[in-house]
């Protein structure tokens, strides 16, 4: 047997390649399962993101409604009340001027300042409520976007690993094919 490789050596090589092929197939199967799991996770994240986007839209709508109500209250109630208070104060001021009583004038001015303070306090409360609605939803959306980005990166890495396994399996298949060609040529 001076011409070619020994049959035992060829069989050992074929067995080795067969085991390598089976290992590559197992790795590919595991990678596919992991990839499917990552896709499901990504889909869940997308669903969560969509739900949070919906929540964000609701919060934005509630914020718009709160702003409109505030403007409505300012435009109708507070302005009417302010004008009424101003008219009352003007009448009282006239009476005070007629009576020449500086002490009464100071008391009325204090009431006007209190009324203005109440209006400013209401404005501050409305602004605080407006601020409380916004940041929570914004932070939640940022967190979901970060988690989705992380999942996409993991999926990309897993797909790259899967492609690498696929290339390795193809290379092993080519090597096996090359080894089988000389054996078939020897049989003939």
N, C-alpha and C. Protein backbone atom coordinates (compact mmCIF):
# COMPACT_ATOMS: atom_id res chain seq x y z
N UNK A 1 0.82 -1.18 0.00
CA UNK A 1 0.00 0.00 0.00
C UNK A 1 0.87 1.25 0.00
N UNK A 2 1.55 1.45 -1.04
CA UNK A 2 2.46 2.58 -1.11
C UNK A 2 1.78 3.80 -1.68
N UNK A 3 0.62 3.68 -2.34
CA UNK A 3 0.05 4.77 -3.10
C UNK A 3 -0.81 5.74 -2.34
N UNK A 4 -1.60 5.34 -1.42
CA UNK A 4 -2.54 6.28 -0.84
C UNK A 4 -2.65 6.15 0.67
N UNK A 5 -3.49 6.96 1.24
CA UNK A 5 -3.64 6.87 2.69
C UNK A 5 -4.30 5.56 3.07
N UNK A 6 -4.05 5.16 4.26
CA UNK A 6 -4.60 3.90 4.76
C UNK A 6 -6.09 4.07 5.04
N UNK A 7 -6.85 3.01 4.82
CA UNK A 7 -8.30 3.10 5.06
C UNK A 7 -8.64 3.46 6.51
N UNK A 8 -7.89 2.96 7.47
CA UNK A 8 -8.18 3.27 8.88
C UNK A 8 -8.02 4.76 9.15
N UNK A 9 -6.97 5.31 8.55
CA UNK A 9 -6.72 6.75 8.74
C UNK A 9 -7.83 7.57 8.11
N UNK A 10 -8.26 7.13 6.91
CA UNK A 10 -9.34 7.84 6.24
C UNK A 10 -10.63 7.74 7.04
N UNK A 11 -10.92 6.53 7.57
CA UNK A 11 -12.13 6.36 8.38
C UNK A 11 -12.07 7.23 9.64
N UNK A 12 -10.90 7.30 10.26
CA UNK A 12 -10.75 8.14 11.46
C UNK A 12 -10.98 9.60 11.10
N UNK A 13 -10.43 9.99 9.94
CA UNK A 13 -10.61 11.37 9.51
C UNK A 13 -12.08 11.66 9.21
N UNK A 14 -12.76 10.71 8.56
CA UNK A 14 -14.19 10.87 8.24
C UNK A 14 -15.00 10.96 9.53
N UNK A 15 -14.69 10.10 10.49
CA UNK A 15 -15.41 10.14 11.78
C UNK A 15 -15.19 11.49 12.47
N UNK A 16 -13.95 11.94 12.43
CA UNK A 16 -13.63 13.23 13.06
C UNK A 16 -14.42 14.36 12.40
N UNK A 17 -14.44 14.34 11.07
CA UNK A 17 -15.19 15.36 10.34
C UNK A 17 -16.68 15.23 10.60
N UNK A 18 -17.17 14.00 10.71
CA UNK A 18 -18.59 13.78 11.01
C UNK A 18 -18.94 14.34 12.39
N UNK A 19 -18.05 14.08 13.38
CA UNK A 19 -18.29 14.64 14.72
C UNK A 19 -18.27 16.17 14.69
N UNK A 20 -17.32 16.71 13.93
CA UNK A 20 -17.23 18.18 13.82
C UNK A 20 -18.49 18.73 13.15
N UNK A 21 -18.96 18.03 12.14
CA UNK A 21 -20.18 18.46 11.45
C UNK A 21 -21.38 18.42 12.40
N UNK A 22 -21.48 17.33 13.18
CA UNK A 22 -22.58 17.21 14.16
C UNK A 22 -22.48 18.32 15.21
N UNK A 23 -21.25 18.61 15.67
CA UNK A 23 -21.06 19.68 16.66
C UNK A 23 -21.46 21.03 16.07
N UNK A 24 -21.08 21.25 14.81
CA UNK A 24 -21.44 22.51 14.15
C UNK A 24 -22.96 22.60 13.99
N UNK A 25 -23.59 21.49 13.66
CA UNK A 25 -25.05 21.48 13.52
C UNK A 25 -25.72 21.78 14.86
N UNK A 26 -25.17 21.19 15.96
CA UNK A 26 -25.73 21.48 17.29
C UNK A 26 -25.56 22.96 17.63
N UNK A 27 -24.35 23.48 17.35
CA UNK A 27 -24.11 24.90 17.62
C UNK A 27 -25.06 25.77 16.81
N UNK A 28 -25.25 25.42 15.56
CA UNK A 28 -26.16 26.19 14.71
C UNK A 28 -27.57 26.12 15.26
N UNK A 29 -27.99 24.95 15.69
CA UNK A 29 -29.34 24.78 16.24
C UNK A 29 -29.50 25.63 17.51
N UNK A 30 -28.47 25.58 18.36
CA UNK A 30 -28.53 26.40 19.58
C UNK A 30 -28.56 27.88 19.24
N UNK A 31 -27.74 28.28 18.28
CA UNK A 31 -27.71 29.69 17.87
C UNK A 31 -29.06 30.11 17.32
N UNK A 32 -29.68 29.23 16.53
CA UNK A 32 -30.99 29.56 15.98
C UNK A 32 -32.03 29.69 17.10
N UNK A 33 -31.96 28.80 18.08
CA UNK A 33 -32.88 28.89 19.21
C UNK A 33 -32.65 30.18 20.00
N UNK A 34 -31.39 30.50 20.24
CA UNK A 34 -31.06 31.73 20.97
C UNK A 34 -31.49 32.95 20.16
N UNK A 35 -31.27 32.90 18.85
CA UNK A 35 -31.67 34.00 17.98
C UNK A 35 -33.18 34.19 18.02
N UNK A 36 -33.92 33.08 18.00
CA UNK A 36 -35.39 33.17 18.08
C UNK A 36 -35.80 33.77 19.41
N UNK A 37 -35.11 33.37 20.47
CA UNK A 37 -35.42 33.93 21.79
C UNK A 37 -35.15 35.43 21.83
N UNK A 38 -34.04 35.83 21.23
CA UNK A 38 -33.73 37.27 21.18
C UNK A 38 -34.75 38.02 20.35
N UNK A 39 -35.19 37.41 19.25
CA UNK A 39 -36.22 38.07 18.43
C UNK A 39 -37.51 38.25 19.23
N UNK A 40 -37.89 37.19 19.97
CA UNK A 40 -39.10 37.31 20.80
C UNK A 40 -38.92 38.41 21.83
N UNK A 41 -37.74 38.46 22.44
CA UNK A 41 -37.47 39.50 23.44
C UNK A 41 -37.54 40.89 22.80
N UNK A 42 -36.97 41.00 21.59
CA UNK A 42 -37.02 42.27 20.88
C UNK A 42 -38.46 42.64 20.55
N UNK A 43 -39.27 41.65 20.14
CA UNK A 43 -40.68 41.92 19.85
C UNK A 43 -41.40 42.39 21.11
N UNK A 44 -41.09 41.74 22.24
CA UNK A 44 -41.70 42.16 23.50
C UNK A 44 -41.29 43.59 23.85
N UNK A 45 -40.03 43.88 23.63
CA UNK A 45 -39.56 45.25 23.91
C UNK A 45 -40.26 46.25 22.99
N UNK A 46 -40.42 45.87 21.73
CA UNK A 46 -41.13 46.76 20.80
C UNK A 46 -42.57 46.97 21.26
N UNK A 47 -43.20 45.88 21.74
CA UNK A 47 -44.58 46.01 22.25
C UNK A 47 -44.61 46.93 23.46
N UNK A 48 -43.63 46.75 24.37
CA UNK A 48 -43.55 47.62 25.55
C UNK A 48 -43.32 49.07 25.14
N UNK A 49 -42.44 49.23 24.13
CA UNK A 49 -42.17 50.58 23.65
C UNK A 49 -43.44 51.20 23.07
N UNK A 50 -44.18 50.40 22.29
CA UNK A 50 -45.42 50.90 21.72
C UNK A 50 -46.42 51.26 22.82
N UNK A 51 -46.49 50.41 23.86
CA UNK A 51 -47.38 50.70 24.98
C UNK A 51 -46.96 51.97 25.68
N UNK A 52 -45.65 52.13 25.88
CA UNK A 52 -45.16 53.35 26.53
C UNK A 52 -45.36 54.58 25.64
N UNK A 53 -45.22 54.38 24.33
CA UNK A 53 -45.52 55.49 23.43
C UNK A 53 -46.99 55.89 23.56
N UNK A 54 -47.86 54.88 23.68
CA UNK A 54 -49.28 55.17 23.88
C UNK A 54 -49.51 55.91 25.19
N UNK A 55 -48.82 55.44 26.24
CA UNK A 55 -48.91 56.11 27.53
C UNK A 55 -48.38 57.54 27.42
N UNK A 56 -47.28 57.69 26.71
CA UNK A 56 -46.71 59.03 26.52
C UNK A 56 -47.72 59.93 25.81
N UNK A 57 -48.36 59.40 24.77
CA UNK A 57 -49.37 60.18 24.05
C UNK A 57 -50.53 60.55 24.98
N UNK A 58 -50.94 59.58 25.83
CA UNK A 58 -52.01 59.88 26.79
C UNK A 58 -51.59 60.99 27.73
N UNK A 59 -50.35 60.89 28.23
CA UNK A 59 -49.85 61.92 29.15
C UNK A 59 -49.78 63.26 28.45
N UNK A 60 -49.33 63.25 27.20
CA UNK A 60 -49.27 64.50 26.45
C UNK A 60 -50.69 65.07 26.26
N UNK A 61 -51.64 64.17 25.96
CA UNK A 61 -53.03 64.62 25.82
C UNK A 61 -53.56 65.19 27.12
N UNK A 62 -53.25 64.49 28.23
CA UNK A 62 -53.69 64.99 29.54
C UNK A 62 -53.04 66.32 29.86
N UNK A 63 -51.79 66.46 29.48
CA UNK A 63 -51.08 67.72 29.71
C UNK A 63 -51.71 68.84 28.88
N UNK A 64 -52.05 68.53 27.63
CA UNK A 64 -52.70 69.55 26.79
C UNK A 64 -54.05 69.95 27.39
N UNK A 65 -54.80 68.93 27.86
CA UNK A 65 -56.09 69.23 28.47
C UNK A 65 -55.90 70.09 29.71
N UNK A 66 -54.89 69.75 30.53
CA UNK A 66 -54.63 70.54 31.74
C UNK A 66 -54.25 71.97 31.38
N UNK A 67 -53.44 72.12 30.34
CA UNK A 67 -53.07 73.48 29.90
C UNK A 67 -54.29 74.26 29.42
N UNK A 68 -55.12 73.56 28.62
CA UNK A 68 -56.32 74.22 28.11
C UNK A 68 -57.25 74.62 29.26
N UNK A 69 -57.37 73.72 30.23
CA UNK A 69 -58.22 74.05 31.38
C UNK A 69 -57.65 75.24 32.14
N UNK A 70 -56.32 75.23 32.32
CA UNK A 70 -55.69 76.34 33.02
C UNK A 70 -55.95 77.65 32.28
N UNK A 71 -55.75 77.59 30.96
CA UNK A 71 -55.99 78.80 30.16
C UNK A 71 -57.45 79.22 30.24
N UNK A 72 -58.32 78.22 30.21
CA UNK A 72 -59.75 78.51 30.29
C UNK A 72 -60.09 79.16 31.62
N UNK A 73 -59.53 78.58 32.69
CA UNK A 73 -59.77 79.14 34.02
C UNK A 73 -59.22 80.55 34.10
N UNK A 74 -58.02 80.73 33.57
CA UNK A 74 -57.44 82.07 33.58
C UNK A 74 -58.29 83.04 32.78
N UNK A 75 -58.65 82.57 31.57
CA UNK A 75 -59.38 83.45 30.67
C UNK A 75 -60.77 83.82 31.20
N UNK A 76 -61.46 82.85 31.75
CA UNK A 76 -62.83 83.11 32.18
C UNK A 76 -62.91 83.49 33.67
N UNK A 77 -62.68 82.47 34.49
CA UNK A 77 -62.89 82.66 35.92
C UNK A 77 -62.02 83.70 36.58
N UNK A 78 -60.72 83.56 36.39
CA UNK A 78 -59.81 84.46 37.09
C UNK A 78 -59.90 85.88 36.55
N UNK A 79 -60.01 86.03 35.25
CA UNK A 79 -60.09 87.38 34.70
C UNK A 79 -61.40 88.06 35.12
N UNK A 80 -62.49 87.31 35.02
CA UNK A 80 -63.77 87.91 35.47
C UNK A 80 -63.68 88.28 36.93
N UNK A 81 -63.12 87.34 37.70
CA UNK A 81 -62.98 87.61 39.14
C UNK A 81 -62.05 88.79 39.36
N UNK A 82 -60.98 88.86 38.61
CA UNK A 82 -60.04 89.96 38.75
C UNK A 82 -60.72 91.29 38.43
N UNK A 83 -61.48 91.29 37.31
CA UNK A 83 -62.15 92.55 36.93
C UNK A 83 -63.18 92.94 37.98
N UNK A 84 -63.90 91.93 38.48
CA UNK A 84 -64.87 92.25 39.54
C UNK A 84 -64.16 92.80 40.77
N UNK A 85 -63.09 92.13 41.16
CA UNK A 85 -62.33 92.60 42.33
C UNK A 85 -61.78 94.00 42.07
N UNK A 86 -61.29 94.22 40.86
CA UNK A 86 -60.75 95.54 40.53
C UNK A 86 -61.84 96.60 40.60
N UNK A 87 -63.02 96.28 40.04
CA UNK A 87 -64.13 97.24 40.11
C UNK A 87 -64.52 97.52 41.55
N UNK A 88 -64.62 96.45 42.34
CA UNK A 88 -64.95 96.61 43.76
C UNK A 88 -63.90 97.47 44.46
N UNK A 89 -62.65 97.18 44.16
CA UNK A 89 -61.58 97.95 44.79
C UNK A 89 -61.62 99.42 44.37
N UNK A 90 -61.96 99.64 43.11
CA UNK A 90 -62.05 101.03 42.64
C UNK A 90 -63.19 101.78 43.36
N UNK A 91 -64.32 101.08 43.50
CA UNK A 91 -65.42 101.70 44.22
C UNK A 91 -65.04 101.97 45.68
N UNK A 92 -64.41 100.99 46.29
CA UNK A 92 -63.97 101.16 47.67
C UNK A 92 -62.93 102.27 47.77
N UNK A 93 -62.07 102.32 46.79
CA UNK A 93 -61.06 103.37 46.79
C UNK A 93 -61.70 104.75 46.71
N UNK A 94 -62.71 104.84 45.85
CA UNK A 94 -63.42 106.12 45.76
C UNK A 94 -64.04 106.50 47.09
N UNK A 95 -64.67 105.49 47.72
CA UNK A 95 -65.27 105.78 49.03
C UNK A 95 -64.21 106.20 50.04
N UNK A 96 -63.08 105.51 50.00
CA UNK A 96 -62.01 105.84 50.94
C UNK A 96 -61.47 107.25 50.67
N UNK A 97 -61.33 107.55 49.39
CA UNK A 97 -60.86 108.91 49.08
C UNK A 97 -61.86 109.94 49.59
N UNK A 98 -63.15 109.60 49.41
CA UNK A 98 -64.17 110.52 49.88
C UNK A 98 -64.13 110.66 51.39
N UNK A 99 -63.83 109.58 52.06
CA UNK A 99 -63.81 109.61 53.52
C UNK A 99 -62.46 110.07 54.06
N UNK A 100 -61.44 110.10 53.20
CA UNK A 100 -60.09 110.49 53.62
C UNK A 100 -59.59 109.62 54.75
N UNK A 101 -59.69 108.27 54.60
CA UNK A 101 -59.25 107.37 55.64
C UNK A 101 -58.08 106.52 55.12
N UNK A 102 -56.85 106.91 55.42
CA UNK A 102 -55.68 106.16 54.93
C UNK A 102 -55.61 104.73 55.49
N UNK A 103 -56.08 104.49 56.69
CA UNK A 103 -56.03 103.14 57.27
C UNK A 103 -56.88 102.17 56.46
N UNK A 104 -58.04 102.60 56.02
CA UNK A 104 -58.91 101.75 55.19
C UNK A 104 -58.26 101.46 53.84
N UNK A 105 -57.59 102.45 53.31
CA UNK A 105 -56.92 102.27 52.02
C UNK A 105 -55.83 101.20 52.12
N UNK A 106 -55.07 101.20 53.16
CA UNK A 106 -54.02 100.21 53.34
C UNK A 106 -54.60 98.80 53.46
N UNK A 107 -55.72 98.65 54.16
CA UNK A 107 -56.36 97.34 54.30
C UNK A 107 -56.83 96.81 52.94
N UNK A 108 -57.38 97.66 52.14
CA UNK A 108 -57.83 97.24 50.82
C UNK A 108 -56.65 96.85 49.92
N UNK A 109 -55.58 97.60 50.05
CA UNK A 109 -54.39 97.25 49.27
C UNK A 109 -53.85 95.88 49.69
N UNK A 110 -53.89 95.58 50.98
CA UNK A 110 -53.46 94.27 51.46
C UNK A 110 -54.35 93.16 50.90
N UNK A 111 -55.64 93.39 50.84
CA UNK A 111 -56.56 92.40 50.27
C UNK A 111 -56.25 92.17 48.79
N UNK A 112 -55.95 93.25 48.10
CA UNK A 112 -55.59 93.12 46.68
C UNK A 112 -54.31 92.29 46.54
N UNK A 113 -53.34 92.54 47.37
CA UNK A 113 -52.10 91.76 47.33
C UNK A 113 -52.37 90.29 47.64
N UNK A 114 -53.25 90.02 48.62
CA UNK A 114 -53.60 88.63 48.94
C UNK A 114 -54.27 87.95 47.73
N UNK A 115 -55.17 88.68 47.09
CA UNK A 115 -55.85 88.11 45.91
C UNK A 115 -54.84 87.81 44.81
N UNK A 116 -53.91 88.73 44.59
CA UNK A 116 -52.88 88.51 43.58
C UNK A 116 -52.00 87.32 43.99
N UNK A 117 -51.70 87.21 45.27
CA UNK A 117 -50.90 86.09 45.77
C UNK A 117 -51.61 84.76 45.54
N UNK A 118 -52.93 84.74 45.76
CA UNK A 118 -53.70 83.53 45.51
C UNK A 118 -53.68 83.16 44.03
N UNK A 119 -53.82 84.15 43.17
CA UNK A 119 -53.77 83.88 41.73
C UNK A 119 -52.40 83.32 41.33
N UNK A 120 -51.35 83.91 41.87
CA UNK A 120 -50.01 83.41 41.57
C UNK A 120 -49.81 82.00 42.12
N UNK A 121 -50.36 81.72 43.30
CA UNK A 121 -50.25 80.39 43.90
C UNK A 121 -50.97 79.35 43.03
N UNK A 122 -52.16 79.70 42.54
CA UNK A 122 -52.87 78.80 41.64
C UNK A 122 -52.06 78.53 40.37
N UNK A 123 -51.46 79.57 39.85
CA UNK A 123 -50.63 79.42 38.66
C UNK A 123 -49.45 78.49 38.93
N UNK A 124 -48.81 78.64 40.08
CA UNK A 124 -47.68 77.78 40.44
C UNK A 124 -48.13 76.33 40.56
N UNK A 125 -49.30 76.09 41.21
CA UNK A 125 -49.79 74.72 41.34
C UNK A 125 -50.07 74.09 39.97
N UNK A 126 -50.64 74.87 39.07
CA UNK A 126 -50.90 74.35 37.72
C UNK A 126 -49.59 74.02 37.00
N UNK A 127 -48.59 74.87 37.14
CA UNK A 127 -47.30 74.61 36.51
C UNK A 127 -46.63 73.38 37.13
N UNK A 128 -46.74 73.21 38.45
CA UNK A 128 -46.17 72.04 39.11
C UNK A 128 -46.83 70.76 38.62
N UNK A 129 -48.15 70.78 38.47
CA UNK A 129 -48.87 69.61 37.97
C UNK A 129 -48.42 69.29 36.54
N UNK A 130 -48.23 70.33 35.75
CA UNK A 130 -47.78 70.16 34.38
C UNK A 130 -46.38 69.55 34.34
N UNK A 131 -45.51 69.98 35.20
CA UNK A 131 -44.14 69.45 35.25
C UNK A 131 -44.12 68.02 35.74
N UNK A 132 -45.01 67.65 36.65
CA UNK A 132 -45.04 66.30 37.19
C UNK A 132 -45.48 65.28 36.14
N UNK A 133 -46.31 65.68 35.23
CA UNK A 133 -46.77 64.74 34.20
C UNK A 133 -45.68 64.42 33.18
N UNK A 134 -44.86 65.39 32.82
CA UNK A 134 -43.93 65.22 31.72
C UNK A 134 -42.73 64.34 31.98
N UNK A 135 -41.89 64.62 32.95
CA UNK A 135 -40.60 63.92 33.06
C UNK A 135 -40.72 62.41 33.26
N UNK A 136 -41.72 61.92 33.99
CA UNK A 136 -41.84 60.48 34.25
C UNK A 136 -42.02 59.71 32.95
N UNK A 137 -42.90 60.18 32.11
CA UNK A 137 -43.13 59.48 30.85
C UNK A 137 -41.90 59.57 29.96
N UNK A 138 -41.23 60.72 29.94
CA UNK A 138 -40.02 60.89 29.14
C UNK A 138 -38.93 59.93 29.58
N UNK A 139 -38.71 59.80 30.89
CA UNK A 139 -37.69 58.90 31.43
C UNK A 139 -38.04 57.45 31.08
N UNK A 140 -39.29 57.06 31.20
CA UNK A 140 -39.70 55.70 30.87
C UNK A 140 -39.43 55.38 29.41
N UNK A 141 -39.71 56.29 28.52
CA UNK A 141 -39.48 56.06 27.10
C UNK A 141 -37.98 55.94 26.83
N UNK A 142 -37.18 56.78 27.50
CA UNK A 142 -35.73 56.67 27.32
C UNK A 142 -35.23 55.30 27.77
N UNK A 143 -35.74 54.79 28.90
CA UNK A 143 -35.31 53.48 29.39
C UNK A 143 -35.68 52.38 28.41
N UNK A 144 -36.88 52.43 27.87
CA UNK A 144 -37.31 51.41 26.92
C UNK A 144 -36.47 51.49 25.65
N UNK A 145 -36.16 52.72 25.19
CA UNK A 145 -35.33 52.85 24.01
C UNK A 145 -33.93 52.28 24.25
N UNK A 146 -33.38 52.52 25.45
CA UNK A 146 -32.07 51.97 25.77
C UNK A 146 -32.13 50.45 25.80
N UNK A 147 -33.18 49.89 26.39
CA UNK A 147 -33.30 48.45 26.47
C UNK A 147 -33.48 47.85 25.07
N UNK A 148 -34.24 48.51 24.22
CA UNK A 148 -34.43 48.03 22.85
C UNK A 148 -33.11 48.09 22.08
N UNK A 149 -32.36 49.17 22.28
CA UNK A 149 -31.06 49.29 21.61
C UNK A 149 -30.12 48.17 22.07
N UNK A 150 -30.13 47.88 23.36
CA UNK A 150 -29.29 46.81 23.91
C UNK A 150 -29.70 45.46 23.30
N UNK A 151 -31.00 45.22 23.21
CA UNK A 151 -31.48 43.97 22.64
C UNK A 151 -31.10 43.86 21.16
N UNK A 152 -31.17 44.97 20.44
CA UNK A 152 -30.77 44.96 19.03
C UNK A 152 -29.28 44.66 18.90
N UNK A 153 -28.47 45.20 19.80
CA UNK A 153 -27.04 44.91 19.78
C UNK A 153 -26.79 43.43 20.05
N UNK A 154 -27.49 42.87 21.04
CA UNK A 154 -27.35 41.45 21.34
C UNK A 154 -27.78 40.60 20.15
N UNK A 155 -28.87 40.98 19.51
CA UNK A 155 -29.35 40.24 18.35
C UNK A 155 -28.32 40.31 17.23
N UNK A 156 -27.74 41.49 17.01
CA UNK A 156 -26.70 41.64 15.98
C UNK A 156 -25.51 40.76 16.27
N UNK A 157 -25.08 40.74 17.53
CA UNK A 157 -23.94 39.90 17.92
C UNK A 157 -24.27 38.42 17.71
N UNK A 158 -25.48 38.03 18.08
CA UNK A 158 -25.88 36.63 17.92
C UNK A 158 -25.97 36.26 16.44
N UNK A 159 -26.47 37.16 15.62
CA UNK A 159 -26.55 36.88 14.18
C UNK A 159 -25.15 36.77 13.58
N UNK A 160 -24.21 37.61 14.04
CA UNK A 160 -22.83 37.53 13.57
C UNK A 160 -22.22 36.19 13.97
N UNK A 161 -22.49 35.75 15.21
CA UNK A 161 -21.98 34.46 15.68
C UNK A 161 -22.59 33.34 14.85
N UNK A 162 -23.86 33.46 14.53
CA UNK A 162 -24.54 32.44 13.74
C UNK A 162 -23.94 32.37 12.34
N UNK A 163 -23.65 33.53 11.74
CA UNK A 163 -23.03 33.53 10.42
C UNK A 163 -21.65 32.88 10.48
N UNK A 164 -20.92 33.17 11.54
CA UNK A 164 -19.61 32.56 11.71
C UNK A 164 -19.74 31.04 11.78
N UNK A 165 -20.71 30.54 12.54
CA UNK A 165 -20.96 29.10 12.63
C UNK A 165 -21.35 28.53 11.27
N UNK A 166 -22.15 29.28 10.54
CA UNK A 166 -22.58 28.84 9.21
C UNK A 166 -21.37 28.73 8.28
N UNK A 167 -20.48 29.73 8.31
CA UNK A 167 -19.27 29.69 7.48
C UNK A 167 -18.39 28.50 7.88
N UNK A 168 -18.28 28.27 9.17
CA UNK A 168 -17.47 27.16 9.67
C UNK A 168 -18.05 25.82 9.19
N UNK A 169 -19.38 25.69 9.28
CA UNK A 169 -20.02 24.47 8.83
C UNK A 169 -19.82 24.27 7.33
N UNK A 170 -19.95 25.37 6.57
CA UNK A 170 -19.74 25.27 5.11
C UNK A 170 -18.30 24.86 4.80
N UNK A 171 -17.35 25.44 5.54
CA UNK A 171 -15.94 25.11 5.32
C UNK A 171 -15.69 23.63 5.63
N UNK A 172 -16.27 23.15 6.76
CA UNK A 172 -16.11 21.73 7.11
C UNK A 172 -16.76 20.82 6.06
N UNK A 173 -17.89 21.25 5.52
CA UNK A 173 -18.56 20.45 4.49
C UNK A 173 -17.70 20.37 3.24
N UNK A 174 -17.06 21.51 2.89
CA UNK A 174 -16.17 21.51 1.72
C UNK A 174 -14.97 20.59 1.95
N UNK A 175 -14.41 20.66 3.15
CA UNK A 175 -13.28 19.80 3.47
C UNK A 175 -13.69 18.33 3.39
N UNK A 176 -14.86 18.01 3.92
CA UNK A 176 -15.36 16.64 3.86
C UNK A 176 -15.54 16.20 2.41
N UNK A 177 -16.08 17.09 1.60
CA UNK A 177 -16.30 16.80 0.20
C UNK A 177 -14.96 16.56 -0.51
N UNK A 178 -13.97 17.38 -0.18
CA UNK A 178 -12.65 17.22 -0.79
C UNK A 178 -12.03 15.89 -0.38
N UNK A 179 -12.27 15.49 0.87
CA UNK A 179 -11.74 14.20 1.33
C UNK A 179 -12.47 13.04 0.66
N UNK A 180 -13.74 13.21 0.39
CA UNK A 180 -14.52 12.14 -0.22
C UNK A 180 -14.14 11.94 -1.69
N UNK A 181 -13.78 13.01 -2.39
CA UNK A 181 -13.42 12.92 -3.81
C UNK A 181 -12.22 12.00 -4.03
N UNK A 182 -11.10 12.10 -3.27
CA UNK A 182 -9.99 11.17 -3.49
C UNK A 182 -10.39 9.73 -3.17
N UNK A 183 -11.25 9.52 -2.18
CA UNK A 183 -11.67 8.17 -1.83
C UNK A 183 -12.47 7.56 -2.96
N UNK A 184 -13.35 8.35 -3.58
CA UNK A 184 -14.16 7.85 -4.69
C UNK A 184 -13.27 7.58 -5.92
N UNK A 185 -12.25 8.40 -6.08
CA UNK A 185 -11.34 8.19 -7.19
C UNK A 185 -10.54 6.89 -6.99
N UNK A 186 -10.21 6.57 -5.74
CA UNK A 186 -9.48 5.34 -5.45
C UNK A 186 -10.35 4.12 -5.71
N UNK A 187 -11.63 4.21 -5.44
CA UNK A 187 -12.53 3.08 -5.66
C UNK A 187 -12.61 2.75 -7.14
N UNK A 188 -12.58 3.75 -7.96
CA UNK A 188 -12.71 3.55 -9.40
C UNK A 188 -11.43 3.02 -9.92
